[in-house]
Amino acid sequence: MKNLSKLVFTIIVIVIVCELIGAKSITLGPGKLVLLPMLYAVIIGMLVTPKVLGNKIKVLKKLIGEEEIKKSGSFVMISLLFLGVKYGTLVGPNILKVVEAGPALLLQELGNLATPLIAVPLAIMLGLKRETVGACVSICREPTLGVIGEKYGMDSPEGNGVLGTYMVGTVIGTIFFGFLGSLSINTGLHPYALAMATGVGSGSMMAAGSSALAASVPAQMKDTVLAYAATSNMLTGVTGIYSVIFLAIPFTNWYYEKLNKLRSKGGKKNGK
C-alpha cells in the first residue's frame, strides 16, 4: 500500500500539472499541431523515472523507485476503462448517424494488415531479429500489447518489440496524428471518413487526431466527427484483437522467416 500510495500521488500531481498547461495549438503551414495534456503526461512520466531524473532529485527518489515502476504497468488496463466510458458518452447520442456508416467501420481493421507488409523489411534492414514480429505486427496499441504479452511474454524479444513500438507511438504518434488531423481536411476527403481513419485503436492518437479534425470543421459537424472517431476506435480495439491473433501474427511470422532466409542467402552469395 505504501508503494501504491506514492504511485497514485505522483500520478495525481502529473495530471494536475498537465491539465493546468492545457491543450496547445501551433500553426504549421496549412495545418495545426495540437499538443494535448496526454502527451505532456507521457514525457513527464518518463522524466521522473529512476533512470532519468529520479535518482538525481531527492523528492523524486523518495516517490518513484523500481517497485513503483513495476506496479504501474498493472494499472494501465484499469485506467483505460475510464477512456472506454468516455467513448460511450460520445457514441450513444449519435448512434443513428454511426449506424448509417454501414460496414465500413467494421471492415477497416483489415487495412491494418498493410503494417507488417511495410514495416517488417525495414525492421530487418535495421538489424532487428525476433523483435521484428512484436514491433511490426500492427501499430502496437493496448490490444496488441495484451495479445503479444500473453503469447510470447513481455520479457521476450517479441515483447520488447511491441513495447518499443507502443512507446514510440505514444510520444511521436500523438504529435503526428494531431498534425495530420488538421492537415487532412485539405485533402478534400469527407470529414467523417477522416474521423473514422483516426480510430486506429489508440486512445491518445485518436484523441489528438479527432480533436484537431473537429477544430477544423464547421461547428455542426464537430460532435459527429468525434462520435465517428470514438466508434471507429472502439471497434478497432475489439476487431483488432481477432485480426492480430488470426491474421497479423501468423502473416508477420511467415513474412519475417521468408525475408530472413532471403537475406541469409544473399549474404552467403556475397561472401558475408
C-alpha atoms as a PDB file:
ATOM      1  CA  MET A   1       0.000   0.000   0.000  1.00  0.00           C
ATOM      2  CA  LYS A   2       2.929   2.340   0.652  1.00  0.00           C
ATOM      3  CA  ASN A   3       4.241   1.842  -2.897  1.00  0.00           C
ATOM      4  CA  LEU A   4       0.738   2.231  -4.303  1.00  0.00           C
ATOM      5  CA  SER A   5       0.015   5.448  -2.403  1.00  0.00           C
ATOM      6  CA  LYS A   6       3.271   7.026  -3.635  1.00  0.00           C
ATOM      7  CA  LEU A   7       2.446   5.985  -7.196  1.00  0.00           C
ATOM      8  CA  VAL A   8      -1.095   7.385  -7.051  1.00  0.00           C
ATOM      9  CA  PHE A   9       0.137  10.648  -5.509  1.00  0.00           C
ATOM     10  CA  THR A  10       2.720  11.082  -8.291  1.00  0.00           C
ATOM     11  CA  ILE A  11       0.099  10.390 -10.966  1.00  0.00           C
ATOM     12  CA  ILE A  12      -2.311  12.946  -9.483  1.00  0.00           C
ATOM     13  CA  VAL A  13       0.419  15.612  -9.415  1.00  0.00           C
ATOM     14  CA  ILE A  14       1.355  14.886 -13.054  1.00  0.00           C
ATOM     15  CA  VAL A  15      -2.309  15.027 -14.129  1.00  0.00           C
ATOM     16  CA  ILE A  16      -2.881  18.374 -12.378  1.00  0.00           C
ATOM     17  CA  VAL A  17       0.249  19.899 -13.927  1.00  0.00           C
ATOM     18  CA  CYS A  18      -0.686  18.670 -17.425  1.00  0.00           C
ATOM     19  CA  GLU A  19      -4.273  19.898 -17.146  1.00  0.00           C
ATOM     20  CA  LEU A  20      -3.069  23.319 -15.997  1.00  0.00           C
ATOM     21  CA  ILE A  21      -0.859  23.534 -19.085  1.00  0.00           C
ATOM     22  CA  GLY A  22      -3.841  22.519 -21.239  1.00  0.00           C
ATOM     23  CA  ALA A  23      -4.005  21.828 -24.968  1.00  0.00           C
ATOM     24  CA  LYS A  24      -1.738  23.971 -27.119  1.00  0.00           C
ATOM     25  CA  SER A  25      -2.200  24.589 -30.818  1.00  0.00           C
ATOM     26  CA  ILE A  26       0.691  25.542 -33.119  1.00  0.00           C
ATOM     27  CA  THR A  27       0.022  26.599 -36.721  1.00  0.00           C
ATOM     28  CA  LEU A  28       2.318  24.859 -39.202  1.00  0.00           C
ATOM     29  CA  GLY A  29       1.633  25.787 -42.809  1.00  0.00           C
ATOM     30  CA  PRO A  30      -1.903  24.765 -43.768  1.00  0.00           C
ATOM     31  CA  GLY A  31      -2.361  22.613 -40.680  1.00  0.00           C
ATOM     32  CA  LYS A  32      -2.197  22.788 -36.913  1.00  0.00           C
ATOM     33  CA  LEU A  33      -0.086  20.833 -34.464  1.00  0.00           C
ATOM     34  CA  VAL A  34      -2.248  20.109 -31.403  1.00  0.00           C
ATOM     35  CA  LEU A  35      -0.367  19.219 -28.210  1.00  0.00           C
ATOM     36  CA  LEU A  36      -2.648  17.518 -25.680  1.00  0.00           C
ATOM     37  CA  PRO A  37      -2.139  17.029 -21.910  1.00  0.00           C
ATOM     38  CA  MET A  38      -1.748  13.268 -22.500  1.00  0.00           C
ATOM     39  CA  LEU A  39       1.497  13.940 -24.366  1.00  0.00           C
ATOM     40  CA  TYR A  40       2.866  16.069 -21.526  1.00  0.00           C
ATOM     41  CA  ALA A  41       1.965  13.301 -19.080  1.00  0.00           C
ATOM     42  CA  VAL A  42       3.953  10.698 -21.047  1.00  0.00           C
ATOM     43  CA  ILE A  43       7.020  12.942 -21.230  1.00  0.00           C
ATOM     44  CA  ILE A  44       6.883  13.934 -17.534  1.00  0.00           C
ATOM     45  CA  GLY A  45       6.284  10.289 -16.573  1.00  0.00           C
ATOM     46  CA  MET A  46       9.439   9.287 -18.418  1.00  0.00           C
ATOM     47  CA  LEU A  47      11.461  12.096 -16.819  1.00  0.00           C
ATOM     48  CA  VAL A  48      10.573  11.150 -13.223  1.00  0.00           C
ATOM     49  CA  THR A  49      11.744   7.540 -13.602  1.00  0.00           C
ATOM     50  CA  PRO A  50      14.896   6.477 -11.691  1.00  0.00           C
ATOM     51  CA  LYS A  51      16.936   6.084 -14.902  1.00  0.00           C
ATOM     52  CA  VAL A  52      16.378   9.698 -15.965  1.00  0.00           C
ATOM     53  CA  LEU A  53      15.858  12.287 -13.186  1.00  0.00           C
ATOM     54  CA  GLY A  54      14.534  10.038 -10.436  1.00  0.00           C
ATOM     55  CA  ASN A  55      17.910   9.279  -8.836  1.00  0.00           C
ATOM     56  CA  LYS A  56      19.160  12.872  -9.202  1.00  0.00           C
ATOM     57  CA  ILE A  57      16.315  14.703  -7.438  1.00  0.00           C
ATOM     58  CA  LYS A  58      15.775  13.779  -3.785  1.00  0.00           C
ATOM     59  CA  VAL A  59      11.968  14.210  -3.813  1.00  0.00           C
ATOM     60  CA  LEU A  60      11.552  12.019  -6.882  1.00  0.00           C
ATOM     61  CA  LYS A  61      13.910   9.413  -5.465  1.00  0.00           C
ATOM     62  CA  LYS A  62      11.619   9.018  -2.458  1.00  0.00           C
ATOM     63  CA  LEU A  63       8.454   8.849  -4.550  1.00  0.00           C
ATOM     64  CA  ILE A  64       9.339   6.739  -7.574  1.00  0.00           C
ATOM     65  CA  GLY A  65      11.593   3.695  -7.422  1.00  0.00           C
ATOM     66  CA  GLU A  66      11.843   0.403  -9.247  1.00  0.00           C
ATOM     67  CA  GLU A  67       8.967  -1.093  -7.212  1.00  0.00           C
ATOM     68  CA  GLU A  68       6.625   1.720  -8.194  1.00  0.00           C
ATOM     69  CA  ILE A  69       7.654   1.347 -11.850  1.00  0.00           C
ATOM     70  CA  LYS A  70       6.857  -2.389 -11.761  1.00  0.00           C
ATOM     71  CA  LYS A  71       3.449  -1.795 -10.154  1.00  0.00           C
ATOM     72  CA  SER A  72       2.451   0.955 -12.593  1.00  0.00           C
ATOM     73  CA  GLY A  73       2.169  -1.488 -15.502  1.00  0.00           C
ATOM     74  CA  SER A  74      -0.620  -3.384 -13.733  1.00  0.00           C
ATOM     75  CA  PHE A  75      -2.815  -0.292 -13.629  1.00  0.00           C
ATOM     76  CA  VAL A  76      -2.638   0.633 -17.304  1.00  0.00           C
ATOM     77  CA  MET A  77      -5.592  -1.542 -18.335  1.00  0.00           C
ATOM     78  CA  ILE A  78      -7.646  -0.343 -15.336  1.00  0.00           C
ATOM     79  CA  SER A  79      -7.105   3.290 -16.269  1.00  0.00           C
ATOM     80  CA  LEU A  80      -8.208   2.557 -19.835  1.00  0.00           C
ATOM     81  CA  LEU A  81     -11.680   1.636 -18.553  1.00  0.00           C
ATOM     82  CA  PHE A  82     -12.340   5.336 -17.923  1.00  0.00           C
ATOM     83  CA  LEU A  83     -11.380   6.046 -21.516  1.00  0.00           C
ATOM     84  CA  GLY A  84     -13.905   3.416 -22.633  1.00  0.00           C
ATOM     85  CA  VAL A  85     -16.659   5.169 -20.684  1.00  0.00           C
ATOM     86  CA  LYS A  86     -15.740   8.451 -22.372  1.00  0.00           C
ATOM     87  CA  TYR A  87     -16.074   6.741 -25.781  1.00  0.00           C
ATOM     88  CA  GLY A  88     -19.568   5.581 -24.826  1.00  0.00           C
ATOM     89  CA  THR A  89     -20.734   9.085 -23.963  1.00  0.00           C
ATOM     90  CA  LEU A  90     -19.722  10.240 -27.458  1.00  0.00           C
ATOM     91  CA  VAL A  91     -21.185   7.298 -29.364  1.00  0.00           C
ATOM     92  CA  GLY A  92     -24.531   6.941 -27.594  1.00  0.00           C
ATOM     93  CA  PRO A  93     -26.151  10.285 -28.546  1.00  0.00           C
ATOM     94  CA  ASN A  94     -25.011   9.855 -32.170  1.00  0.00           C
ATOM     95  CA  ILE A  95     -25.724   6.131 -32.616  1.00  0.00           C
ATOM     96  CA  LEU A  96     -28.106   6.605 -35.570  1.00  0.00           C
ATOM     97  CA  LYS A  97     -25.508   8.548 -37.537  1.00  0.00           C
ATOM     98  CA  VAL A  98     -22.928   5.893 -36.712  1.00  0.00           C
ATOM     99  CA  VAL A  99     -25.183   3.056 -37.942  1.00  0.00           C
ATOM    100  CA  GLU A 100     -25.581   4.886 -41.261  1.00  0.00           C
ATOM    101  CA  ALA A 101     -21.846   4.424 -41.868  1.00  0.00           C
ATOM    102  CA  GLY A 102     -22.544   0.747 -42.605  1.00  0.00           C
ATOM    103  CA  PRO A 103     -19.883  -1.988 -42.773  1.00  0.00           C
ATOM    104  CA  ALA A 104     -17.041   0.467 -43.399  1.00  0.00           C
ATOM    105  CA  LEU A 105     -16.444   0.854 -39.666  1.00  0.00           C
ATOM    106  CA  LEU A 106     -16.261  -2.931 -39.184  1.00  0.00           C
ATOM    107  CA  LEU A 107     -14.084  -3.764 -42.194  1.00  0.00           C
ATOM    108  CA  GLN A 108     -11.495  -1.011 -41.774  1.00  0.00           C
ATOM    109  CA  GLU A 109      -9.366  -3.184 -39.487  1.00  0.00           C
ATOM    110  CA  LEU A 110      -8.313  -5.314 -42.469  1.00  0.00           C
ATOM    111  CA  GLY A 111      -6.301  -2.333 -43.657  1.00  0.00           C
ATOM    112  CA  ASN A 112      -4.045  -2.805 -40.624  1.00  0.00           C
ATOM    113  CA  LEU A 113      -2.510  -5.841 -42.333  1.00  0.00           C
ATOM    114  CA  ALA A 114      -0.533  -3.472 -44.541  1.00  0.00           C
ATOM    115  CA  THR A 115       1.514  -2.525 -41.443  1.00  0.00           C
ATOM    116  CA  PRO A 116       3.717  -5.668 -41.333  1.00  0.00           C
ATOM    117  CA  LEU A 117       3.943  -5.651 -45.129  1.00  0.00           C
ATOM    118  CA  ILE A 118       5.813  -2.335 -44.999  1.00  0.00           C
ATOM    119  CA  ALA A 119       7.412  -2.449 -41.538  1.00  0.00           C
ATOM    120  CA  VAL A 120       8.990  -5.946 -41.480  1.00  0.00           C
ATOM    121  CA  PRO A 121      11.512  -5.301 -44.303  1.00  0.00           C
ATOM    122  CA  LEU A 122      12.532  -2.020 -42.646  1.00  0.00           C
ATOM    123  CA  ALA A 123      12.997  -3.707 -39.255  1.00  0.00           C
ATOM    124  CA  ILE A 124      15.170  -6.446 -40.769  1.00  0.00           C
ATOM    125  CA  MET A 125      17.282  -3.821 -42.559  1.00  0.00           C
ATOM    126  CA  LEU A 126      17.794  -2.078 -39.202  1.00  0.00           C
ATOM    127  CA  GLY A 127      19.096  -5.324 -37.695  1.00  0.00           C
ATOM    128  CA  LEU A 128      16.126  -6.366 -35.548  1.00  0.00           C
ATOM    129  CA  LYS A 129      15.619 -10.108 -35.082  1.00  0.00           C
ATOM    130  CA  ARG A 130      12.587 -11.643 -33.334  1.00  0.00           C
ATOM    131  CA  GLU A 131      11.774  -8.160 -32.017  1.00  0.00           C
ATOM    132  CA  THR A 132      10.539  -7.558 -35.565  1.00  0.00           C
ATOM    133  CA  VAL A 133       7.446  -9.719 -35.023  1.00  0.00           C
ATOM    134  CA  GLY A 134       6.296  -7.792 -31.950  1.00  0.00           C
ATOM    135  CA  ALA A 135       7.233  -4.378 -33.315  1.00  0.00           C
ATOM    136  CA  CYS A 136       5.681  -4.786 -36.779  1.00  0.00           C
ATOM    137  CA  VAL A 137       2.592  -6.936 -36.229  1.00  0.00           C
ATOM    138  CA  SER A 138       0.409  -3.794 -36.052  1.00  0.00           C
ATOM    139  CA  ILE A 139       0.686  -0.227 -34.774  1.00  0.00           C
ATOM    140  CA  CYS A 140       1.012  -1.896 -31.346  1.00  0.00           C
ATOM    141  CA  ARG A 141      -1.604  -0.317 -29.158  1.00  0.00           C
ATOM    142  CA  GLU A 142      -3.220  -1.716 -25.997  1.00  0.00           C
ATOM    143  CA  PRO A 143      -4.961  -4.797 -27.558  1.00  0.00           C
ATOM    144  CA  THR A 144      -1.741  -5.848 -29.314  1.00  0.00           C
ATOM    145  CA  LEU A 145       0.239  -5.407 -26.103  1.00  0.00           C
ATOM    146  CA  GLY A 146      -2.131  -7.849 -24.409  1.00  0.00           C
ATOM    147  CA  VAL A 147      -2.018 -10.413 -27.228  1.00  0.00           C
ATOM    148  CA  ILE A 148       1.786 -10.368 -27.644  1.00  0.00           C
ATOM    149  CA  GLY A 149       2.291 -10.383 -23.871  1.00  0.00           C
ATOM    150  CA  GLU A 150       0.024 -13.418 -23.500  1.00  0.00           C
ATOM    151  CA  LYS A 151       1.530 -15.335 -26.431  1.00  0.00           C
ATOM    152  CA  TYR A 152       5.247 -14.588 -26.024  1.00  0.00           C
ATOM    153  CA  GLY A 153       5.614 -12.817 -22.666  1.00  0.00           C
ATOM    154  CA  MET A 154       6.652  -9.194 -22.185  1.00  0.00           C
ATOM    155  CA  ASP A 155      10.237 -10.244 -21.329  1.00  0.00           C
ATOM    156  CA  SER A 156      10.649 -11.953 -24.710  1.00  0.00           C
ATOM    157  CA  PRO A 157      12.200 -10.333 -27.823  1.00  0.00           C
ATOM    158  CA  GLU A 158       8.677 -10.068 -29.277  1.00  0.00           C
ATOM    159  CA  GLY A 159       7.514  -8.375 -26.070  1.00  0.00           C
ATOM    160  CA  ASN A 160      10.387  -5.891 -26.243  1.00  0.00           C
ATOM    161  CA  GLY A 161       9.474  -5.152 -29.845  1.00  0.00           C
ATOM    162  CA  VAL A 162       5.791  -4.465 -29.200  1.00  0.00           C
ATOM    163  CA  LEU A 163       6.601  -2.346 -26.142  1.00  0.00           C
ATOM    164  CA  GLY A 164       9.128  -0.288 -28.107  1.00  0.00           C
ATOM    165  CA  THR A 165       6.631   0.489 -30.867  1.00  0.00           C
ATOM    166  CA  TYR A 166       3.959   1.240 -28.272  1.00  0.00           C
ATOM    167  CA  MET A 167       6.120   3.832 -26.511  1.00  0.00           C
ATOM    168  CA  VAL A 168       7.290   5.459 -29.741  1.00  0.00           C
ATOM    169  CA  GLY A 169       3.688   5.610 -30.944  1.00  0.00           C
ATOM    170  CA  THR A 170       2.528   7.194 -27.695  1.00  0.00           C
ATOM    171  CA  VAL A 171       5.077  10.003 -27.871  1.00  0.00           C
ATOM    172  CA  ILE A 172       5.626  10.603 -31.587  1.00  0.00           C
ATOM    173  CA  GLY A 173       2.323   9.153 -32.843  1.00  0.00           C
ATOM    174  CA  THR A 174       0.255  11.566 -30.791  1.00  0.00           C
ATOM    175  CA  ILE A 175       2.103  14.561 -32.244  1.00  0.00           C
ATOM    176  CA  PHE A 176       1.893  13.128 -35.770  1.00  0.00           C
ATOM    177  CA  PHE A 177      -1.855  12.433 -35.560  1.00  0.00           C
ATOM    178  CA  GLY A 178      -2.538  15.864 -34.091  1.00  0.00           C
ATOM    179  CA  PHE A 179      -0.864  17.490 -37.085  1.00  0.00           C
ATOM    180  CA  LEU A 180      -2.325  15.010 -39.587  1.00  0.00           C
ATOM    181  CA  GLY A 181      -5.856  15.514 -38.252  1.00  0.00           C
ATOM    182  CA  SER A 182      -5.913  19.207 -39.076  1.00  0.00           C
ATOM    183  CA  LEU A 183      -3.848  18.911 -42.256  1.00  0.00           C
ATOM    184  CA  SER A 184      -6.002  16.125 -43.752  1.00  0.00           C
ATOM    185  CA  ILE A 185      -9.055  18.388 -44.042  1.00  0.00           C
ATOM    186  CA  ASN A 186      -7.310  19.987 -47.031  1.00  0.00           C
ATOM    187  CA  THR A 187      -7.229  16.681 -48.953  1.00  0.00           C
ATOM    188  CA  GLY A 188     -10.884  17.016 -49.998  1.00  0.00           C
ATOM    189  CA  LEU A 189     -11.913  13.767 -48.286  1.00  0.00           C
ATOM    190  CA  HIS A 190     -15.125  13.829 -46.253  1.00  0.00           C
ATOM    191  CA  PRO A 191     -14.556  14.790 -42.581  1.00  0.00           C
ATOM    192  CA  TYR A 192     -16.495  11.702 -41.416  1.00  0.00           C
ATOM    193  CA  ALA A 193     -14.182   9.414 -43.402  1.00  0.00           C
ATOM    194  CA  LEU A 194     -11.186  11.198 -41.905  1.00  0.00           C
ATOM    195  CA  ALA A 195     -12.720  10.835 -38.437  1.00  0.00           C
ATOM    196  CA  MET A 196     -13.038   7.076 -38.966  1.00  0.00           C
ATOM    197  CA  ALA A 197      -9.393   6.976 -40.051  1.00  0.00           C
ATOM    198  CA  THR A 198      -8.259   8.426 -36.709  1.00  0.00           C
ATOM    199  CA  GLY A 199      -9.706   5.415 -34.877  1.00  0.00           C
ATOM    200  CA  VAL A 200      -6.652   3.172 -35.194  1.00  0.00           C
ATOM    201  CA  GLY A 201      -7.056   1.577 -31.768  1.00  0.00           C
ATOM    202  CA  SER A 202      -5.036   4.168 -29.853  1.00  0.00           C
ATOM    203  CA  GLY A 203      -6.787   6.417 -27.374  1.00  0.00           C
ATOM    204  CA  SER A 204      -4.077   9.085 -27.480  1.00  0.00           C
ATOM    205  CA  MET A 205      -3.737   9.088 -31.274  1.00  0.00           C
ATOM    206  CA  MET A 206      -7.492   9.102 -31.805  1.00  0.00           C
ATOM    207  CA  ALA A 207      -7.947  11.923 -29.293  1.00  0.00           C
ATOM    208  CA  ALA A 208      -5.207  14.024 -30.911  1.00  0.00           C
ATOM    209  CA  GLY A 209      -6.354  13.379 -34.487  1.00  0.00           C
ATOM    210  CA  SER A 210     -10.093  13.762 -33.933  1.00  0.00           C
ATOM    211  CA  SER A 211      -9.703  16.847 -31.719  1.00  0.00           C
ATOM    212  CA  ALA A 212      -7.595  18.564 -34.368  1.00  0.00           C
ATOM    213  CA  LEU A 213     -10.041  17.478 -37.073  1.00  0.00           C
ATOM    214  CA  ALA A 214     -13.069  18.646 -35.056  1.00  0.00           C
ATOM    215  CA  ALA A 215     -11.418  22.036 -34.614  1.00  0.00           C
ATOM    216  CA  SER A 216     -11.098  22.329 -38.407  1.00  0.00           C
ATOM    217  CA  VAL A 217     -14.716  21.534 -39.416  1.00  0.00           C
ATOM    218  CA  PRO A 218     -17.947  23.568 -39.062  1.00  0.00           C
ATOM    219  CA  ALA A 219     -19.407  23.592 -35.546  1.00  0.00           C
ATOM    220  CA  GLN A 220     -22.472  21.495 -36.513  1.00  0.00           C
ATOM    221  CA  MET A 221     -20.191  18.626 -37.636  1.00  0.00           C
ATOM    222  CA  LYS A 222     -17.973  18.587 -34.557  1.00  0.00           C
ATOM    223  CA  ASP A 223     -19.969  16.115 -32.402  1.00  0.00           C
ATOM    224  CA  THR A 224     -20.484  13.712 -35.306  1.00  0.00           C
ATOM    225  CA  VAL A 225     -16.774  13.758 -36.151  1.00  0.00           C
ATOM    226  CA  LEU A 226     -15.902  12.885 -32.552  1.00  0.00           C
ATOM    227  CA  ALA A 227     -18.570  10.155 -32.477  1.00  0.00           C
ATOM    228  CA  TYR A 228     -17.291   8.531 -35.676  1.00  0.00           C
ATOM    229  CA  ALA A 229     -13.726   8.648 -34.359  1.00  0.00           C
ATOM    230  CA  ALA A 230     -14.679   7.162 -30.986  1.00  0.00           C
ATOM    231  CA  THR A 231     -16.788   4.382 -32.538  1.00  0.00           C
ATOM    232  CA  SER A 232     -14.097   3.557 -35.065  1.00  0.00           C
ATOM    233  CA  ASN A 233     -11.519   3.384 -32.291  1.00  0.00           C
ATOM    234  CA  MET A 234     -13.746   1.155 -30.146  1.00  0.00           C
ATOM    235  CA  LEU A 235     -14.483  -1.269 -32.987  1.00  0.00           C
ATOM    236  CA  THR A 236     -10.807  -1.336 -33.939  1.00  0.00           C
ATOM    237  CA  GLY A 237      -9.987  -2.299 -30.361  1.00  0.00           C
ATOM    238  CA  VAL A 238     -12.476  -5.192 -30.487  1.00  0.00           C
ATOM    239  CA  THR A 239     -11.933  -6.473 -34.030  1.00  0.00           C
ATOM    240  CA  GLY A 240      -8.219  -5.688 -33.824  1.00  0.00           C
ATOM    241  CA  ILE A 241      -7.671  -8.440 -31.253  1.00  0.00           C
ATOM    242  CA  TYR A 242      -9.024 -11.102 -33.607  1.00  0.00           C
ATOM    243  CA  SER A 243      -7.222  -9.584 -36.576  1.00  0.00           C
ATOM    244  CA  VAL A 244      -3.902  -9.697 -34.706  1.00  0.00           C
ATOM    245  CA  ILE A 245      -4.411 -13.252 -33.384  1.00  0.00           C
ATOM    246  CA  PHE A 246      -5.711 -14.968 -36.528  1.00  0.00           C
ATOM    247  CA  LEU A 247      -4.231 -12.865 -39.337  1.00  0.00           C
ATOM    248  CA  ALA A 248      -1.447 -10.456 -38.386  1.00  0.00           C
ATOM    249  CA  ILE A 249       0.713 -12.698 -36.131  1.00  0.00           C
ATOM    250  CA  PRO A 250       0.739 -15.736 -38.496  1.00  0.00           C
ATOM    251  CA  PHE A 251       1.391 -13.498 -41.502  1.00  0.00           C
ATOM    252  CA  THR A 252       4.136 -11.494 -39.750  1.00  0.00           C
ATOM    253  CA  ASN A 253       5.912 -14.668 -38.591  1.00  0.00           C
ATOM    254  CA  TRP A 254       5.752 -16.169 -42.079  1.00  0.00           C
ATOM    255  CA  TYR A 255       6.836 -12.921 -43.729  1.00  0.00           C
ATOM    256  CA  TYR A 256       9.727 -12.456 -41.278  1.00  0.00           C
ATOM    257  CA  GLU A 257      11.027 -16.003 -41.860  1.00  0.00           C
ATOM    258  CA  LYS A 258      10.836 -15.631 -45.648  1.00  0.00           C
ATOM    259  CA  LEU A 259      12.691 -12.302 -45.703  1.00  0.00           C
ATOM    260  CA  ASN A 260      15.252 -13.579 -43.208  1.00  0.00           C
ATOM    261  CA  LYS A 261      16.020 -16.574 -45.432  1.00  0.00           C
ATOM    262  CA  LEU A 262      16.348 -14.332 -48.476  1.00  0.00           C
ATOM    263  CA  ARG A 263      18.744 -12.063 -46.599  1.00  0.00           C
ATOM    264  CA  SER A 264      20.807 -15.060 -45.414  1.00  0.00           C
ATOM    265  CA  LYS A 265      21.069 -16.436 -48.961  1.00  0.00           C
ATOM    266  CA  GLY A 266      22.062 -13.013 -50.263  1.00  0.00           C
ATOM    267  CA  GLY A 267      24.735 -12.714 -47.575  1.00  0.00           C
ATOM    268  CA  LYS A 268      26.233 -16.126 -48.488  1.00  0.00           C
ATOM    269  CA  LYS A 269      26.376 -15.250 -52.175  1.00  0.00           C
ATOM    270  CA  ASN A 270      28.266 -12.070 -51.342  1.00  0.00           C
ATOM    271  CA  GLY A 271      30.651 -13.973 -49.101  1.00  0.00           C
ATOM    272  CA  LYS A 272      29.334 -12.454 -45.876  1.00  0.00           C
END
